[in-house]
Amino acid sequence: QVQLVESGGGLVQPGGSLRLSCAASGIIFSINAMGWYRQAPGKERELVAAITSSGSTNYGDSVKGRFTISRDSGKNTVYLQMNSLKPEDTAVYYCNAEIKSWDYIDDYYNYWGQGTQVTVSS
């Protein structure tokens, strides 16, 4: 059974930084893209950043230049370094990964973490 476990959320003042981590565990054969999404109250879930298995990255317009996504393929872990945080970055952040497990080796399936709260407030 595959699981994604996020960590690193919390309360931070505007202008501050946080680093989120998401580790995939289970009987994993391979991982394709990994990414972070967020959902603020009353809003739809939106892409924050994504990274492919080859290291290509993609960012939402609102976080370009402030957030950096990276991954450690050996640890099946993806990170999100968030700098210059703004109150509008407040949301629940979800980890996402396309994973091929040994149980379902025919294709990649989409998995989600449980979410971690990030609150930017003075």
PDB file of N, CA and C in Angstrom:
ATOM      1  N   GLN A   1       0.848  -1.186   0.000  1.00  0.00           N
ATOM      2  CA  GLN A   1       0.000   0.000   0.000  1.00  0.00           C
ATOM      3  C   GLN A   1       0.885   1.238   0.000  1.00  0.00           C
ATOM      4  N   VAL A   2       0.564   2.170  -0.882  1.00  0.00           N
ATOM      5  CA  VAL A   2       1.373   3.380  -1.013  1.00  0.00           C
ATOM      6  C   VAL A   2       0.788   4.498  -0.160  1.00  0.00           C
ATOM      7  N   GLN A   3       1.660   5.232   0.492  1.00  0.00           N
ATOM      8  CA  GLN A   3       1.235   6.386   1.288  1.00  0.00           C
ATOM      9  C   GLN A   3       2.151   7.563   1.020  1.00  0.00           C
ATOM     10  N   LEU A   4       1.580   8.763   1.077  1.00  0.00           N
ATOM     11  CA  LEU A   4       2.339  10.003   1.029  1.00  0.00           C
ATOM     12  C   LEU A   4       2.136  10.709   2.359  1.00  0.00           C
ATOM     13  N   VAL A   5       3.230  11.058   3.002  1.00  0.00           N
ATOM     14  CA  VAL A   5       3.149  11.711   4.309  1.00  0.00           C
ATOM     15  C   VAL A   5       3.874  13.041   4.240  1.00  0.00           C
ATOM     16  N   GLU A   6       3.102  14.122   4.477  1.00  0.00           N
ATOM     17  CA  GLU A   6       3.673  15.467   4.442  1.00  0.00           C
ATOM     18  C   GLU A   6       4.099  15.903   5.835  1.00  0.00           C
ATOM     19  N   SER A   7       5.039  16.841   5.864  1.00  0.00           N
ATOM     20  CA  SER A   7       5.448  17.462   7.123  1.00  0.00           C
ATOM     21  C   SER A   7       6.006  18.845   6.817  1.00  0.00           C
ATOM     22  N   GLY A   8       6.082  19.670   7.868  1.00  0.00           N
ATOM     23  CA  GLY A   8       6.730  20.967   7.725  1.00  0.00           C
ATOM     24  C   GLY A   8       5.806  22.167   7.710  1.00  0.00           C
ATOM     25  N   GLY A   9       4.503  21.958   7.755  1.00  0.00           N
ATOM     26  CA  GLY A   9       3.599  23.094   7.787  1.00  0.00           C
ATOM     27  C   GLY A   9       3.632  23.790   9.131  1.00  0.00           C
ATOM     28  N   GLY A  10       2.931  24.924   9.202  1.00  0.00           N
ATOM     29  CA  GLY A  10       2.869  25.654  10.462  1.00  0.00           C
ATOM     30  C   GLY A  10       2.499  27.094  10.255  1.00  0.00           C
ATOM     31  N   LEU A  11       2.726  27.867  11.297  1.00  0.00           N
ATOM     32  CA  LEU A  11       2.421  29.303  11.296  1.00  0.00           C
ATOM     33  C   LEU A  11       3.711  30.083  11.090  1.00  0.00           C
ATOM     34  N   VAL A  12       3.680  31.039  10.178  1.00  0.00           N
ATOM     35  CA  VAL A  12       4.860  31.847   9.897  1.00  0.00           C
ATOM     36  C   VAL A  12       4.415  33.277   9.614  1.00  0.00           C
ATOM     37  N   GLN A  13       5.259  34.225   9.922  1.00  0.00           N
ATOM     38  CA  GLN A  13       4.944  35.628   9.665  1.00  0.00           C
ATOM     39  C   GLN A  13       5.159  35.963   8.189  1.00  0.00           C
ATOM     40  N   PRO A  14       4.476  36.976   7.692  1.00  0.00           N
ATOM     41  CA  PRO A  14       4.716  37.411   6.309  1.00  0.00           C
ATOM     42  C   PRO A  14       6.190  37.718   6.080  1.00  0.00           C
ATOM     43  N   GLY A  15       6.683  37.258   4.932  1.00  0.00           N
ATOM     44  CA  GLY A  15       8.100  37.429   4.623  1.00  0.00           C
ATOM     45  C   GLY A  15       8.960  36.282   5.085  1.00  0.00           C
ATOM     46  N   GLY A  16       8.394  35.392   5.867  1.00  0.00           N
ATOM     47  CA  GLY A  16       9.148  34.261   6.390  1.00  0.00           C
ATOM     48  C   GLY A  16       9.236  33.104   5.422  1.00  0.00           C
ATOM     49  N   SER A  17       9.831  32.012   5.903  1.00  0.00           N
ATOM     50  CA  SER A  17      10.060  30.832   5.070  1.00  0.00           C
ATOM     51  C   SER A  17       9.596  29.571   5.780  1.00  0.00           C
ATOM     52  N   LEU A  18       9.230  28.589   4.987  1.00  0.00           N
ATOM     53  CA  LEU A  18       8.912  27.250   5.470  1.00  0.00           C
ATOM     54  C   LEU A  18       9.391  26.247   4.431  1.00  0.00           C
ATOM     55  N   ARG A  19       9.682  25.030   4.896  1.00  0.00           N
ATOM     56  CA  ARG A  19      10.043  23.964   3.977  1.00  0.00           C
ATOM     57  C   ARG A  19       9.137  22.773   4.223  1.00  0.00           C
ATOM     58  N   LEU A  20       8.414  22.385   3.208  1.00  0.00           N
ATOM     59  CA  LEU A  20       7.548  21.221   3.292  1.00  0.00           C
ATOM     60  C   LEU A  20       8.271  19.998   2.730  1.00  0.00           C
ATOM     61  N   SER A  21       7.974  18.853   3.327  1.00  0.00           N
ATOM     62  CA  SER A  21       8.514  17.587   2.847  1.00  0.00           C
ATOM     63  C   SER A  21       7.369  16.600   2.643  1.00  0.00           C
ATOM     64  N   CYS A  22       7.545  15.705   1.695  1.00  0.00           N
ATOM     65  CA  CYS A  22       6.555  14.669   1.445  1.00  0.00           C
ATOM     66  C   CYS A  22       7.300  13.394   1.067  1.00  0.00           C
ATOM     67  N   ALA A  23       7.114  12.366   1.882  1.00  0.00           N
ATOM     68  CA  ALA A  23       7.786  11.099   1.638  1.00  0.00           C
ATOM     69  C   ALA A  23       6.787  10.039   1.209  1.00  0.00           C
ATOM     70  N   ALA A  24       7.102   9.361   0.131  1.00  0.00           N
ATOM     71  CA  ALA A  24       6.273   8.260  -0.347  1.00  0.00           C
ATOM     72  C   ALA A  24       6.818   6.953   0.211  1.00  0.00           C
ATOM     73  N   SER A  25       5.912   6.110   0.695  1.00  0.00           N
ATOM     74  CA  SER A  25       6.321   4.831   1.251  1.00  0.00           C
ATOM     75  C   SER A  25       5.412   3.730   0.733  1.00  0.00           C
ATOM     76  N   GLY A  26       5.893   2.492   0.864  1.00  0.00           N
ATOM     77  CA  GLY A  26       5.114   1.363   0.385  1.00  0.00           C
ATOM     78  C   GLY A  26       5.909   0.571  -0.618  1.00  0.00           C
ATOM     79  N   ILE A  27       5.209  -0.325  -1.318  1.00  0.00           N
ATOM     80  CA  ILE A  27       5.890  -1.189  -2.285  1.00  0.00           C
ATOM     81  C   ILE A  27       5.922  -0.487  -3.644  1.00  0.00           C
ATOM     82  N   ILE A  28       6.857   0.466  -3.745  1.00  0.00           N
ATOM     83  CA  ILE A  28       6.929   1.353  -4.898  1.00  0.00           C
ATOM     84  C   ILE A  28       7.874   0.799  -5.945  1.00  0.00           C
ATOM     85  N   PHE A  29       7.387   0.732  -7.176  1.00  0.00           N
ATOM     86  CA  PHE A  29       8.236   0.312  -8.281  1.00  0.00           C
ATOM     87  C   PHE A  29       8.953   1.522  -8.877  1.00  0.00           C
ATOM     88  N   SER A  30       8.190   2.563  -9.155  1.00  0.00           N
ATOM     89  CA  SER A  30       8.795   3.806  -9.642  1.00  0.00           C
ATOM     90  C   SER A  30       7.831   4.964  -9.427  1.00  0.00           C
ATOM     91  N   ILE A  31       8.396   6.172  -9.429  1.00  0.00           N
ATOM     92  CA  ILE A  31       7.616   7.398  -9.268  1.00  0.00           C
ATOM     93  C   ILE A  31       7.865   8.294 -10.467  1.00  0.00           C
ATOM     94  N   ASN A  32       6.789   8.795 -11.041  1.00  0.00           N
ATOM     95  CA  ASN A  32       6.925   9.701 -12.173  1.00  0.00           C
ATOM     96  C   ASN A  32       6.960  11.131 -11.631  1.00  0.00           C
ATOM     97  N   ALA A  33       5.980  11.926 -11.940  1.00  0.00           N
ATOM     98  CA  ALA A  33       5.964  13.300 -11.445  1.00  0.00           C
ATOM     99  C   ALA A  33       5.530  13.356  -9.984  1.00  0.00           C
ATOM    100  N   MET A  34       6.042  14.357  -9.281  1.00  0.00           N
ATOM    101  CA  MET A  34       5.623  14.661  -7.909  1.00  0.00           C
ATOM    102  C   MET A  34       5.313  16.149  -7.851  1.00  0.00           C
ATOM    103  N   GLY A  35       4.434  16.519  -6.945  1.00  0.00           N
ATOM    104  CA  GLY A  35       4.081  17.926  -6.910  1.00  0.00           C
ATOM    105  C   GLY A  35       3.361  18.338  -5.646  1.00  0.00           C
ATOM    106  N   TRP A  36       3.112  19.630  -5.584  1.00  0.00           N
ATOM    107  CA  TRP A  36       2.392  20.218  -4.458  1.00  0.00           C
ATOM    108  C   TRP A  36       1.210  21.015  -4.996  1.00  0.00           C
ATOM    109  N   TYR A  37       0.078  20.850  -4.337  1.00  0.00           N
ATOM    110  CA  TYR A  37      -1.126  21.621  -4.612  1.00  0.00           C
ATOM    111  C   TYR A  37      -1.548  22.283  -3.309  1.00  0.00           C
ATOM    112  N   ARG A  38      -2.395  23.275  -3.420  1.00  0.00           N
ATOM    113  CA  ARG A  38      -2.907  23.904  -2.210  1.00  0.00           C
ATOM    114  C   ARG A  38      -4.374  24.268  -2.396  1.00  0.00           C
ATOM    115  N   GLN A  39      -5.063  24.348  -1.273  1.00  0.00           N
ATOM    116  CA  GLN A  39      -6.469  24.723  -1.291  1.00  0.00           C
ATOM    117  C   GLN A  39      -6.768  25.633  -0.115  1.00  0.00           C
ATOM    118  N   ALA A  40      -7.162  26.848  -0.435  1.00  0.00           N
ATOM    119  CA  ALA A  40      -7.559  27.808   0.583  1.00  0.00           C
ATOM    120  C   ALA A  40      -9.072  27.702   0.802  1.00  0.00           C
ATOM    121  N   PRO A  41      -9.572  28.141   1.959  1.00  0.00           N
ATOM    122  CA  PRO A  41     -11.018  28.062   2.230  1.00  0.00           C
ATOM    123  C   PRO A  41     -11.823  28.760   1.143  1.00  0.00           C
ATOM    124  N   GLY A  42     -12.822  28.065   0.622  1.00  0.00           N
ATOM    125  CA  GLY A  42     -13.689  28.641  -0.390  1.00  0.00           C
ATOM    126  C   GLY A  42     -13.110  28.687  -1.781  1.00  0.00           C
ATOM    127  N   LYS A  43     -11.926  28.132  -1.971  1.00  0.00           N
ATOM    128  CA  LYS A  43     -11.281  28.163  -3.284  1.00  0.00           C
ATOM    129  C   LYS A  43     -11.010  26.758  -3.778  1.00  0.00           C
ATOM    130  N   GLU A  44     -10.787  26.649  -5.088  1.00  0.00           N
ATOM    131  CA  GLU A  44     -10.463  25.360  -5.666  1.00  0.00           C
ATOM    132  C   GLU A  44      -8.998  25.011  -5.406  1.00  0.00           C
ATOM    133  N   ARG A  45      -8.729  23.706  -5.442  1.00  0.00           N
ATOM    134  CA  ARG A  45      -7.351  23.267  -5.305  1.00  0.00           C
ATOM    135  C   ARG A  45      -6.563  23.716  -6.537  1.00  0.00           C
ATOM    136  N   GLU A  46      -5.351  24.233  -6.297  1.00  0.00           N
ATOM    137  CA  GLU A  46      -4.547  24.733  -7.398  1.00  0.00           C
ATOM    138  C   GLU A  46      -3.127  24.173  -7.342  1.00  0.00           C
ATOM    139  N   LEU A  47      -2.513  24.095  -8.501  1.00  0.00           N
ATOM    140  CA  LEU A  47      -1.130  23.644  -8.585  1.00  0.00           C
ATOM    141  C   LEU A  47      -0.208  24.706  -8.001  1.00  0.00           C
ATOM    142  N   VAL A  48       0.704  24.263  -7.150  1.00  0.00           N
ATOM    143  CA  VAL A  48       1.751  25.139  -6.636  1.00  0.00           C
ATOM    144  C   VAL A  48       3.030  24.894  -7.429  1.00  0.00           C
ATOM    145  N   ALA A  49       3.465  23.641  -7.477  1.00  0.00           N
ATOM    146  CA  ALA A  49       4.686  23.300  -8.197  1.00  0.00           C
ATOM    147  C   ALA A  49       4.708  21.809  -8.465  1.00  0.00           C
ATOM    148  N   ALA A  50       5.387  21.433  -9.542  1.00  0.00           N
ATOM    149  CA  ALA A  50       5.526  20.029  -9.887  1.00  0.00           C
ATOM    150  C   ALA A  50       6.922  19.786 -10.436  1.00  0.00           C
ATOM    151  N   ILE A  51       7.378  18.534 -10.302  1.00  0.00           N
ATOM    152  CA  ILE A  51       8.698  18.170 -10.796  1.00  0.00           C
ATOM    153  C   ILE A  51       8.625  16.764 -11.376  1.00  0.00           C
ATOM    154  N   THR A  52       9.209  16.600 -12.553  1.00  0.00           N
ATOM    155  CA  THR A  52       9.183  15.294 -13.206  1.00  0.00           C
ATOM    156  C   THR A  52      10.326  14.425 -12.685  1.00  0.00           C
ATOM    157  N   SER A  53      10.339  13.184 -13.132  1.00  0.00           N
ATOM    158  CA  SER A  53      11.398  12.269 -12.721  1.00  0.00           C
ATOM    159  C   SER A  53      12.757  12.702 -13.261  1.00  0.00           C
ATOM    160  N   SER A  54      12.759  13.481 -14.333  1.00  0.00           N
ATOM    161  CA  SER A  54      14.019  13.965 -14.906  1.00  0.00           C
ATOM    162  C   SER A  54      14.433  15.318 -14.340  1.00  0.00           C
ATOM    163  N   GLY A  55      13.585  15.898 -13.481  1.00  0.00           N
ATOM    164  CA  GLY A  55      13.947  17.141 -12.812  1.00  0.00           C
ATOM    165  C   GLY A  55      13.355  18.405 -13.412  1.00  0.00           C
ATOM    166  N   SER A  56      12.549  18.290 -14.446  1.00  0.00           N
ATOM    167  CA  SER A  56      11.886  19.470 -14.995  1.00  0.00           C
ATOM    168  C   SER A  56      10.827  19.965 -14.030  1.00  0.00           C
ATOM    169  N   THR A  57      10.737  21.285 -13.900  1.00  0.00           N
ATOM    170  CA  THR A  57       9.833  21.860 -12.913  1.00  0.00           C
ATOM    171  C   THR A  57       8.794  22.767 -13.576  1.00  0.00           C
ATOM    172  N   ASN A  58       7.694  22.936 -12.860  1.00  0.00           N
ATOM    173  CA  ASN A  58       6.609  23.797 -13.302  1.00  0.00           C
ATOM    174  C   ASN A  58       6.014  24.462 -12.070  1.00  0.00           C
ATOM    175  N   TYR A  59       5.745  25.767 -12.149  1.00  0.00           N
ATOM    176  CA  TYR A  59       5.251  26.513 -10.994  1.00  0.00           C
ATOM    177  C   TYR A  59       3.976  27.268 -11.322  1.00  0.00           C
ATOM    178  N   GLY A  60       3.121  27.400 -10.319  1.00  0.00           N
ATOM    179  CA  GLY A  60       1.981  28.287 -10.464  1.00  0.00           C
ATOM    180  C   GLY A  60       2.471  29.730 -10.533  1.00  0.00           C
ATOM    181  N   ASP A  61       1.749  30.574 -11.262  1.00  0.00           N
ATOM    182  CA  ASP A  61       2.200  31.944 -11.476  1.00  0.00           C
ATOM    183  C   ASP A  61       2.385  32.708 -10.164  1.00  0.00           C
ATOM    184  N   SER A  62       1.555  32.442  -9.189  1.00  0.00           N
ATOM    185  CA  SER A  62       1.594  33.217  -7.951  1.00  0.00           C
ATOM    186  C   SER A  62       2.798  32.899  -7.068  1.00  0.00           C
ATOM    187  N   VAL A  63       3.504  31.815  -7.348  1.00  0.00           N
ATOM    188  CA  VAL A  63       4.629  31.430  -6.492  1.00  0.00           C
ATOM    189  C   VAL A  63       5.971  31.477  -7.210  1.00  0.00           C
ATOM    190  N   LYS A  64       5.964  31.787  -8.501  1.00  0.00           N
ATOM    191  CA  LYS A  64       7.217  31.826  -9.256  1.00  0.00           C
ATOM    192  C   LYS A  64       8.177  32.831  -8.645  1.00  0.00           C
ATOM    193  N   GLY A  65       9.424  32.407  -8.488  1.00  0.00           N
ATOM    194  CA  GLY A  65      10.440  33.272  -7.916  1.00  0.00           C
ATOM    195  C   GLY A  65      10.492  33.246  -6.398  1.00  0.00           C
ATOM    196  N   ARG A  66       9.498  32.635  -5.767  1.00  0.00           N
ATOM    197  CA  ARG A  66       9.474  32.569  -4.292  1.00  0.00           C
ATOM    198  C   ARG A  66       9.576  31.142  -3.778  1.00  0.00           C
ATOM    199  N   PHE A  67       8.999  30.200  -4.503  1.00  0.00           N
ATOM    200  CA  PHE A  67       8.995  28.800  -4.076  1.00  0.00           C
ATOM    201  C   PHE A  67       9.927  27.990  -4.973  1.00  0.00           C
ATOM    202  N   THR A  68      10.512  26.947  -4.379  1.00  0.00           N
ATOM    203  CA  THR A  68      11.372  26.041  -5.133  1.00  0.00           C
ATOM    204  C   THR A  68      11.017  24.603  -4.789  1.00  0.00           C
ATOM    205  N   ILE A  69      10.752  23.805  -5.818  1.00  0.00           N
ATOM    206  CA  ILE A  69      10.464  22.390  -5.616  1.00  0.00           C
ATOM    207  C   ILE A  69      11.705  21.577  -5.957  1.00  0.00           C
ATOM    208  N   SER A  70      11.931  20.524  -5.185  1.00  0.00           N
ATOM    209  CA  SER A  70      13.056  19.630  -5.450  1.00  0.00           C
ATOM    210  C   SER A  70      12.659  18.229  -5.001  1.00  0.00           C
ATOM    211  N   ARG A  71      13.449  17.252  -5.408  1.00  0.00           N
ATOM    212  CA  ARG A  71      13.145  15.878  -4.995  1.00  0.00           C
ATOM    213  C   ARG A  71      14.422  15.092  -4.778  1.00  0.00           C
ATOM    214  N   ASP A  72      14.308  14.114  -3.897  1.00  0.00           N
ATOM    215  CA  ASP A  72      15.384  13.165  -3.654  1.00  0.00           C
ATOM    216  C   ASP A  72      14.827  11.804  -4.058  1.00  0.00           C
ATOM    217  N   SER A  73      15.159  11.376  -5.260  1.00  0.00           N
ATOM    218  CA  SER A  73      14.582  10.142  -5.783  1.00  0.00           C
ATOM    219  C   SER A  73      14.999   8.921  -4.966  1.00  0.00           C
ATOM    220  N   GLY A  74      16.171   8.963  -4.386  1.00  0.00           N
ATOM    221  CA  GLY A  74      16.620   7.846  -3.570  1.00  0.00           C
ATOM    222  C   GLY A  74      15.792   7.670  -2.305  1.00  0.00           C
ATOM    223  N   LYS A  75      15.204   8.774  -1.845  1.00  0.00           N
ATOM    224  CA  LYS A  75      14.376   8.739  -0.636  1.00  0.00           C
ATOM    225  C   LYS A  75      12.887   8.823  -0.967  1.00  0.00           C
ATOM    226  N   ASN A  76      12.545   8.846  -2.255  1.00  0.00           N
ATOM    227  CA  ASN A  76      11.132   8.980  -2.667  1.00  0.00           C
ATOM    228  C   ASN A  76      10.483  10.187  -1.993  1.00  0.00           C
ATOM    229  N   THR A  77      11.209  11.278  -1.942  1.00  0.00           N
ATOM    230  CA  THR A  77      10.751  12.457  -1.202  1.00  0.00           C
ATOM    231  C   THR A  77      10.786  13.697  -2.097  1.00  0.00           C
ATOM    232  N   VAL A  78       9.773  14.529  -1.931  1.00  0.00           N
ATOM    233  CA  VAL A  78       9.713  15.810  -2.633  1.00  0.00           C
ATOM    234  C   VAL A  78       9.645  16.916  -1.595  1.00  0.00           C
ATOM    235  N   TYR A  79      10.289  18.035  -1.908  1.00  0.00           N
ATOM    236  CA  TYR A  79      10.367  19.166  -0.985  1.00  0.00           C
ATOM    237  C   TYR A  79       9.782  20.409  -1.652  1.00  0.00           C
ATOM    238  N   LEU A  80       9.314  21.321  -0.809  1.00  0.00           N
ATOM    239  CA  LEU A  80       8.878  22.624  -1.301  1.00  0.00           C
ATOM    240  C   LEU A  80       9.457  23.680  -0.371  1.00  0.00           C
ATOM    241  N   GLN A  81      10.422  24.418  -0.856  1.00  0.00           N
ATOM    242  CA  GLN A  81      10.994  25.537  -0.102  1.00  0.00           C
ATOM    243  C   GLN A  81      10.186  26.778  -0.432  1.00  0.00           C
ATOM    244  N   MET A  82       9.588  27.360   0.585  1.00  0.00           N
ATOM    245  CA  MET A  82       8.727  28.517   0.396  1.00  0.00           C
ATOM    246  C   MET A  82       9.355  29.726   1.077  1.00  0.00           C
ATOM    247  N   ASN A  83       9.700  30.726   0.302  1.00  0.00           N
ATOM    248  CA  ASN A  83      10.304  31.957   0.810  1.00  0.00           C
ATOM    249  C   ASN A  83       9.391  33.141   0.539  1.00  0.00           C
ATOM    250  N   SER A  84       9.652  34.232   1.222  1.00  0.00           N
ATOM    251  CA  SER A  84       8.864  35.466   1.038  1.00  0.00           C
ATOM    252  C   SER A  84       7.364  35.172   1.102  1.00  0.00           C
ATOM    253  N   LEU A  85       6.971  34.455   2.116  1.00  0.00           N
ATOM    254  CA  LEU A  85       5.575  34.031   2.222  1.00  0.00           C
ATOM    255  C   LEU A  85       4.649  35.218   2.440  1.00  0.00           C
ATOM    256  N   LYS A  86       3.468  35.104   1.854  1.00  0.00           N
ATOM    257  CA  LYS A  86       2.457  36.146   1.932  1.00  0.00           C
ATOM    258  C   LYS A  86       1.193  35.572   2.583  1.00  0.00           C
ATOM    259  N   PRO A  87       0.355  36.416   3.151  1.00  0.00           N
ATOM    260  CA  PRO A  87      -0.900  35.917   3.739  1.00  0.00           C
ATOM    261  C   PRO A  87      -1.740  35.124   2.740  1.00  0.00           C
ATOM    262  N   GLU A  88      -1.676  35.477   1.470  1.00  0.00           N
ATOM    263  CA  GLU A  88      -2.454  34.755   0.469  1.00  0.00           C
ATOM    264  C   GLU A  88      -1.900  33.364   0.169  1.00  0.00           C
ATOM    265  N   ASP A  89      -0.759  33.024   0.727  1.00  0.00           N
ATOM    266  CA  ASP A  89      -0.247  31.666   0.608  1.00  0.00           C
ATOM    267  C   ASP A  89      -0.876  30.727   1.643  1.00  0.00           C
ATOM    268  N   THR A  90      -1.656  31.277   2.533  1.00  0.00           N
ATOM    269  CA  THR A  90      -2.316  30.470   3.546  1.00  0.00           C
ATOM    270  C   THR A  90      -3.261  29.471   2.903  1.00  0.00           C
ATOM    271  N   ALA A  91      -3.067  28.194   3.230  1.00  0.00           N
ATOM    272  CA  ALA A  91      -3.865  27.132   2.622  1.00  0.00           C
ATOM    273  C   ALA A  91      -3.444  25.795   3.217  1.00  0.00           C
ATOM    274  N   VAL A  92      -4.197  24.765   2.888  1.00  0.00           N
ATOM    275  CA  VAL A  92      -3.753  23.398   3.137  1.00  0.00           C
ATOM    276  C   VAL A  92      -2.973  22.955   1.906  1.00  0.00           C
ATOM    277  N   TYR A  93      -1.758  22.486   2.129  1.00  0.00           N
ATOM    278  CA  TYR A  93      -0.883  22.063   1.044  1.00  0.00           C
ATOM    279  C   TYR A  93      -0.898  20.536   0.962  1.00  0.00           C
ATOM    280  N   TYR A  94      -1.136  20.046  -0.251  1.00  0.00           N
ATOM    281  CA  TYR A  94      -1.237  18.616  -0.498  1.00  0.00           C
ATOM    282  C   TYR A  94      -0.108  18.150  -1.414  1.00  0.00           C
ATOM    283  N   CYS A  95       0.473  17.035  -1.056  1.00  0.00           N
ATOM    284  CA  CYS A  95       1.467  16.391  -1.889  1.00  0.00           C
ATOM    285  C   CYS A  95       0.765  15.447  -2.865  1.00  0.00           C
ATOM    286  N   ASN A  96       1.303  15.357  -4.061  1.00  0.00           N
ATOM    287  CA  ASN A  96       0.735  14.499  -5.094  1.00  0.00           C
ATOM    288  C   ASN A  96       1.867  13.769  -5.798  1.00  0.00           C
ATOM    289  N   ALA A  97       1.634  12.513  -6.158  1.00  0.00           N
ATOM    290  CA  ALA A  97       2.664  11.764  -6.873  1.00  0.00           C
ATOM    291  C   ALA A  97       2.026  10.728  -7.785  1.00  0.00           C
ATOM    292  N   GLU A  98       2.654  10.533  -8.925  1.00  0.00           N
ATOM    293  CA  GLU A  98       2.247   9.480  -9.865  1.00  0.00           C
ATOM    294  C   GLU A  98       3.153   8.291  -9.600  1.00  0.00           C
ATOM    295  N   ILE A  99       2.561   7.225  -9.072  1.00  0.00           N
ATOM    296  CA  ILE A  99       3.353   6.095  -8.578  1.00  0.00           C
ATOM    297  C   ILE A  99       2.914   4.796  -9.225  1.00  0.00           C
ATOM    298  N   LYS A 100       3.908   4.013  -9.595  1.00  0.00           N
ATOM    299  CA  LYS A 100       3.666   2.652 -10.072  1.00  0.00           C
ATOM    300  C   LYS A 100       4.125   1.738  -8.944  1.00  0.00           C
ATOM    301  N   SER A 101       3.186   1.026  -8.346  1.00  0.00           N
ATOM    302  CA  SER A 101       3.532   0.128  -7.251  1.00  0.00           C
ATOM    303  C   SER A 101       3.653  -1.294  -7.775  1.00  0.00           C
ATOM    304  N   TRP A 102       4.247  -2.148  -6.949  1.00  0.00           N
ATOM    305  CA  TRP A 102       4.382  -3.545  -7.353  1.00  0.00           C
ATOM    306  C   TRP A 102       3.008  -4.228  -7.397  1.00  0.00           C
ATOM    307  N   ASP A 103       2.031  -3.703  -6.642  1.00  0.00           N
ATOM    308  CA  ASP A 103       0.668  -4.248  -6.672  1.00  0.00           C
ATOM    309  C   ASP A 103      -0.044  -3.945  -7.983  1.00  0.00           C
ATOM    310  N   TYR A 104       0.256  -2.746  -8.554  1.00  0.00           N
ATOM    311  CA  TYR A 104      -0.427  -2.286  -9.764  1.00  0.00           C
ATOM    312  C   TYR A 104       0.618  -1.803 -10.747  1.00  0.00           C
ATOM    313  N   ILE A 105       1.384  -2.731 -11.248  1.00  0.00           N
ATOM    314  CA  ILE A 105       2.565  -2.396 -12.026  1.00  0.00           C
ATOM    315  C   ILE A 105       2.234  -2.047 -13.477  1.00  0.00           C
ATOM    316  N   ASP A 106       0.953  -2.125 -13.848  1.00  0.00           N
ATOM    317  CA  ASP A 106       0.587  -1.880 -15.233  1.00  0.00           C
ATOM    318  C   ASP A 106       0.613  -0.404 -15.604  1.00  0.00           C
ATOM    319  N   ASP A 107       0.462   0.469 -14.617  1.00  0.00           N
ATOM    320  CA  ASP A 107       0.373   1.889 -14.942  1.00  0.00           C
ATOM    321  C   ASP A 107       0.701   2.731 -13.712  1.00  0.00           C
ATOM    322  N   TYR A 108       0.852   4.035 -13.938  1.00  0.00           N
ATOM    323  CA  TYR A 108       1.039   4.977 -12.838  1.00  0.00           C
ATOM    324  C   TYR A 108      -0.332   5.409 -12.309  1.00  0.00           C
ATOM    325  N   TYR A 109      -0.454   5.473 -10.996  1.00  0.00           N
ATOM    326  CA  TYR A 109      -1.673   5.933 -10.358  1.00  0.00           C
ATOM    327  C   TYR A 109      -1.364   7.163  -9.523  1.00  0.00           C
ATOM    328  N   ASN A 110      -2.386   7.999  -9.403  1.00  0.00           N
ATOM    329  CA  ASN A 110      -2.262   9.259  -8.683  1.00  0.00           C
ATOM    330  C   ASN A 110      -2.525   9.073  -7.200  1.00  0.00           C
ATOM    331  N   TYR A 111      -1.614   9.527  -6.363  1.00  0.00           N
ATOM    332  CA  TYR A 111      -1.775   9.438  -4.919  1.00  0.00           C
ATOM    333  C   TYR A 111      -1.684  10.832  -4.306  1.00  0.00           C
ATOM    334  N   TRP A 112      -2.416  11.005  -3.195  1.00  0.00           N
ATOM    335  CA  TRP A 112      -2.438  12.272  -2.474  1.00  0.00           C
ATOM    336  C   TRP A 112      -2.063  12.071  -1.015  1.00  0.00           C
ATOM    337  N   GLY A 113      -1.383  13.074  -0.464  1.00  0.00           N
ATOM    338  CA  GLY A 113      -1.144  13.086   0.968  1.00  0.00           C
ATOM    339  C   GLY A 113      -2.354  13.618   1.711  1.00  0.00           C
ATOM    340  N   GLN A 114      -2.262  13.637   3.037  1.00  0.00           N
ATOM    341  CA  GLN A 114      -3.386  14.044   3.862  1.00  0.00           C
ATOM    342  C   GLN A 114      -3.490  15.559   3.979  1.00  0.00           C
ATOM    343  N   GLY A 115      -2.452  16.277   3.591  1.00  0.00           N
ATOM    344  CA  GLY A 115      -2.455  17.731   3.650  1.00  0.00           C
ATOM    345  C   GLY A 115      -1.780  18.257   4.902  1.00  0.00           C
ATOM    346  N   THR A 116      -1.153  19.409   4.764  1.00  0.00           N
ATOM    347  CA  THR A 116      -0.528  20.081   5.904  1.00  0.00           C
ATOM    348  C   THR A 116      -0.881  21.564   5.830  1.00  0.00           C
ATOM    349  N   GLN A 117      -1.259  22.121   6.967  1.00  0.00           N
ATOM    350  CA  GLN A 117      -1.722  23.514   7.001  1.00  0.00           C
ATOM    351  C   GLN A 117      -0.535  24.469   7.026  1.00  0.00           C
ATOM    352  N   VAL A 118      -0.597  25.468   6.171  1.00  0.00           N
ATOM    353  CA  VAL A 118       0.369  26.571   6.185  1.00  0.00           C
ATOM    354  C   VAL A 118      -0.429  27.854   6.419  1.00  0.00           C
ATOM    355  N   THR A 119      -0.071  28.567   7.464  1.00  0.00           N
ATOM    356  CA  THR A 119      -0.735  29.816   7.795  1.00  0.00           C
ATOM    357  C   THR A 119       0.290  30.940   7.846  1.00  0.00           C
ATOM    358  N   VAL A 120       0.051  31.974   7.061  1.00  0.00           N
ATOM    359  CA  VAL A 120       0.949  33.127   7.021  1.00  0.00           C
ATOM    360  C   VAL A 120       0.204  34.313   7.625  1.00  0.00           C
ATOM    361  N   SER A 121       0.642  34.714   8.796  1.00  0.00           N
ATOM    362  CA  SER A 121      -0.074  35.767   9.518  1.00  0.00           C
ATOM    363  C   SER A 121       0.845  36.413  10.528  1.00  0.00           C
ATOM    364  N   SER A 122       0.631  37.698  10.763  1.00  0.00           N
ATOM    365  CA  SER A 122       1.389  38.406  11.792  1.00  0.00           C
ATOM    366  C   SER A 122       0.623  38.386  13.111  1.00  0.00           C
TER     367      SER A 122
END
